[in-house]
N, C-alpha and C. Protein backbone atom coordinates (compact mmCIF):
# COMPACT_ATOMS: atom_id res chain seq x y z
N MET A 1 209.32 96.39 83.86
CA MET A 1 209.98 96.77 85.02
C MET A 1 209.78 95.86 86.02
N HIS A 2 210.62 95.47 87.24
CA HIS A 2 211.15 94.16 87.46
C HIS A 2 210.30 94.98 88.94
N THR A 3 209.90 93.43 89.30
CA THR A 3 209.07 94.01 91.15
C THR A 3 209.73 92.33 92.08
N LYS A 4 209.87 91.91 92.73
CA LYS A 4 209.90 90.97 94.07
C LYS A 4 208.84 90.28 93.99
N ASN A 5 207.59 91.53 94.30
CA ASN A 5 206.22 91.18 94.33
C ASN A 5 205.24 90.18 93.37
N LYS A 6 205.49 89.02 93.09
CA LYS A 6 204.36 88.33 92.03
C LYS A 6 203.34 89.01 92.14
N VAL A 7 202.79 88.74 93.11
CA VAL A 7 200.92 89.55 93.74
C VAL A 7 200.78 90.69 92.67
N LEU A 8 201.16 91.30 93.40
CA LEU A 8 201.32 92.59 92.95
C LEU A 8 201.87 92.79 91.22
N ALA A 9 202.79 92.31 91.14
CA ALA A 9 203.01 92.07 88.98
C ALA A 9 201.75 91.74 88.56
N ASP A 10 200.83 90.54 89.02
CA ASP A 10 199.96 89.52 88.79
C ASP A 10 198.64 91.09 87.97
N GLU A 11 198.90 91.55 89.51
CA GLU A 11 197.49 92.63 89.75
C GLU A 11 198.23 93.78 88.03
N ILE A 12 199.49 94.90 88.00
CA ILE A 12 199.98 95.31 87.08
C ILE A 12 199.69 95.37 85.34
N TYR A 13 199.56 93.58 85.67
CA TYR A 13 199.43 93.05 84.07
C TYR A 13 197.93 92.56 84.19
N ALA A 14 197.60 92.05 84.78
CA ALA A 14 195.98 92.37 84.53
C ALA A 14 195.23 94.22 83.93
N ALA A 15 195.92 95.02 84.86
CA ALA A 15 195.85 96.67 84.85
C ALA A 15 196.37 97.19 83.10
N MET A 16 197.24 96.85 83.21
CA MET A 16 197.56 96.76 81.64
C MET A 16 197.16 95.65 80.16
N ARG A 17 196.87 95.16 80.75
CA ARG A 17 195.93 94.18 79.73
C ARG A 17 194.34 94.53 79.62
N GLU A 18 193.90 95.52 80.66
CA GLU A 18 192.55 95.92 80.42
C GLU A 18 192.91 97.16 79.49
N ALA A 19 193.98 97.87 80.56
CA ALA A 19 193.19 99.43 79.90
C ALA A 19 194.58 98.94 77.28
N ASN A 20 195.09 97.55 77.75
CA ASN A 20 196.01 98.06 76.05
C ASN A 20 194.83 98.26 75.00
N ASN A 21 194.59 98.95 74.34
CA ASN A 21 194.07 99.12 73.14
C ASN A 21 194.19 100.00 72.06
N ASN A 22 195.56 99.65 72.05
CA ASN A 22 196.90 100.03 71.09
C ASN A 22 197.40 99.47 70.65
N GLY A 23 197.49 97.91 71.26
CA GLY A 23 197.94 96.44 69.97
C GLY A 23 198.93 96.48 70.70
N ILE A 24 199.70 97.30 72.12
CA ILE A 24 200.74 96.47 72.11
C ILE A 24 201.65 95.38 72.58
N THR A 25 202.35 95.05 72.46
CA THR A 25 202.72 93.55 72.83
C THR A 25 203.20 93.76 74.56
N ILE A 26 202.47 93.05 75.24
CA ILE A 26 203.15 93.02 76.34
C ILE A 26 204.01 91.26 77.16
N HIS A 27 204.80 91.81 77.64
CA HIS A 27 205.45 90.64 77.08
C HIS A 27 205.85 89.95 78.85
N TYR A 28 205.21 88.91 79.88
CA TYR A 28 205.29 88.87 81.34
C TYR A 28 206.44 87.59 81.92
N GLN A 29 206.32 88.23 81.99
CA GLN A 29 207.88 86.69 82.86
C GLN A 29 208.39 86.23 84.05
N GLU A 30 208.44 85.17 84.37
CA GLU A 30 209.52 85.20 85.65
C GLU A 30 211.31 85.66 85.49
N ALA A 31 211.13 86.84 85.67
CA ALA A 31 212.91 87.22 85.28
C ALA A 31 214.21 86.05 85.96
N SER A 32 214.89 85.82 85.04
CA SER A 32 215.82 85.07 85.31
C SER A 32 217.03 86.09 85.30
N PRO A 33 218.26 85.55 86.23
CA PRO A 33 219.46 85.87 86.13
C PRO A 33 219.39 86.82 85.07
N LEU A 34 219.49 86.73 83.42
CA LEU A 34 220.06 87.47 82.88
C LEU A 34 218.74 87.57 81.87
N PRO A 35 217.57 88.12 82.54
CA PRO A 35 216.48 88.78 81.85
C PRO A 35 216.59 89.74 80.83
N ALA A 36 216.30 89.06 78.88
CA ALA A 36 216.45 90.33 77.94
C ALA A 36 215.45 89.61 77.14
N VAL A 37 214.64 91.03 77.27
CA VAL A 37 213.22 90.85 76.64
C VAL A 37 212.64 92.02 75.33
N TYR A 38 213.01 91.59 74.24
CA TYR A 38 212.72 93.25 73.56
C TYR A 38 211.58 92.96 72.98
N GLY A 39 210.54 93.71 73.01
CA GLY A 39 209.16 93.57 72.61
C GLY A 39 208.96 94.61 70.90
N GLY A 40 210.37 95.45 70.38
CA GLY A 40 210.60 96.43 69.62
C GLY A 40 209.56 97.21 69.91
N PRO A 41 209.09 98.06 68.38
CA PRO A 41 208.46 99.82 69.57
C PRO A 41 207.41 99.91 69.93
N ASN A 42 207.05 98.95 69.66
CA ASN A 42 205.63 98.71 70.51
C ASN A 42 204.91 97.69 71.35
N GLY A 43 206.49 97.64 72.15
CA GLY A 43 206.28 96.27 72.82
C GLY A 43 206.83 96.40 74.46
N LEU A 44 206.57 96.13 75.41
CA LEU A 44 206.51 96.21 76.86
C LEU A 44 207.04 94.88 77.52
N SER A 45 207.53 95.49 78.17
CA SER A 45 207.84 94.21 79.43
C SER A 45 207.55 93.96 80.94
N ILE A 46 207.56 93.54 81.48
CA ILE A 46 206.76 93.63 82.43
C ILE A 46 207.80 91.90 83.42
N SER A 47 208.70 92.42 84.33
CA SER A 47 208.77 90.63 84.78
C SER A 47 209.03 90.36 86.29
N TYR A 48 208.54 89.41 87.06
CA TYR A 48 209.27 89.24 88.37
C TYR A 48 210.02 88.31 88.62
N ILE A 49 209.97 88.50 89.72
CA ILE A 49 212.32 87.87 90.20
C ILE A 49 211.54 87.28 90.85
N GLY A 50 211.52 86.05 90.29
CA GLY A 50 211.72 84.50 91.69
C GLY A 50 212.74 83.79 91.67
N ASP A 51 212.58 82.87 92.49
CA ASP A 51 214.07 81.77 92.52
C ASP A 51 214.74 81.38 91.62
N TRP A 52 215.98 81.12 91.17
CA TRP A 52 216.61 80.53 90.76
C TRP A 52 217.08 79.87 90.33
N ASP A 53 217.59 78.58 90.00
CA ASP A 53 219.20 77.49 89.71
C ASP A 53 220.17 78.11 89.22
N LYS A 54 221.44 78.78 90.71
CA LYS A 54 222.66 78.34 90.10
C LYS A 54 223.12 77.65 89.01
N LYS A 55 223.31 75.98 89.50
CA LYS A 55 223.56 74.99 88.85
C LYS A 55 222.75 74.75 87.53
N TRP A 56 221.52 75.50 87.08
CA TRP A 56 221.35 75.84 85.42
C TRP A 56 222.10 77.08 85.00
N LEU A 57 222.31 77.99 85.65
CA LEU A 57 223.36 78.57 85.02
C LEU A 57 224.21 78.34 84.75
N ILE A 58 224.84 77.93 85.22
CA ILE A 58 226.56 77.25 84.86
C ILE A 58 226.78 76.62 84.39
N SER A 59 225.45 75.66 83.80
CA SER A 59 225.45 74.30 83.17
C SER A 59 225.49 75.06 81.41
């Protein structure tokens, strides 16, 4: 899941952690221009879109 609203992402992540009673791995991160997270068959990823440095991407 991707969102531009970090506050909303924080709320969703907190609710998911609270409800997670199946041992599912939840990855939470600021999305880069090239986000790639695979948590396996028991994984879930949530990312929020933040600011990123184009110079870093090119280097």
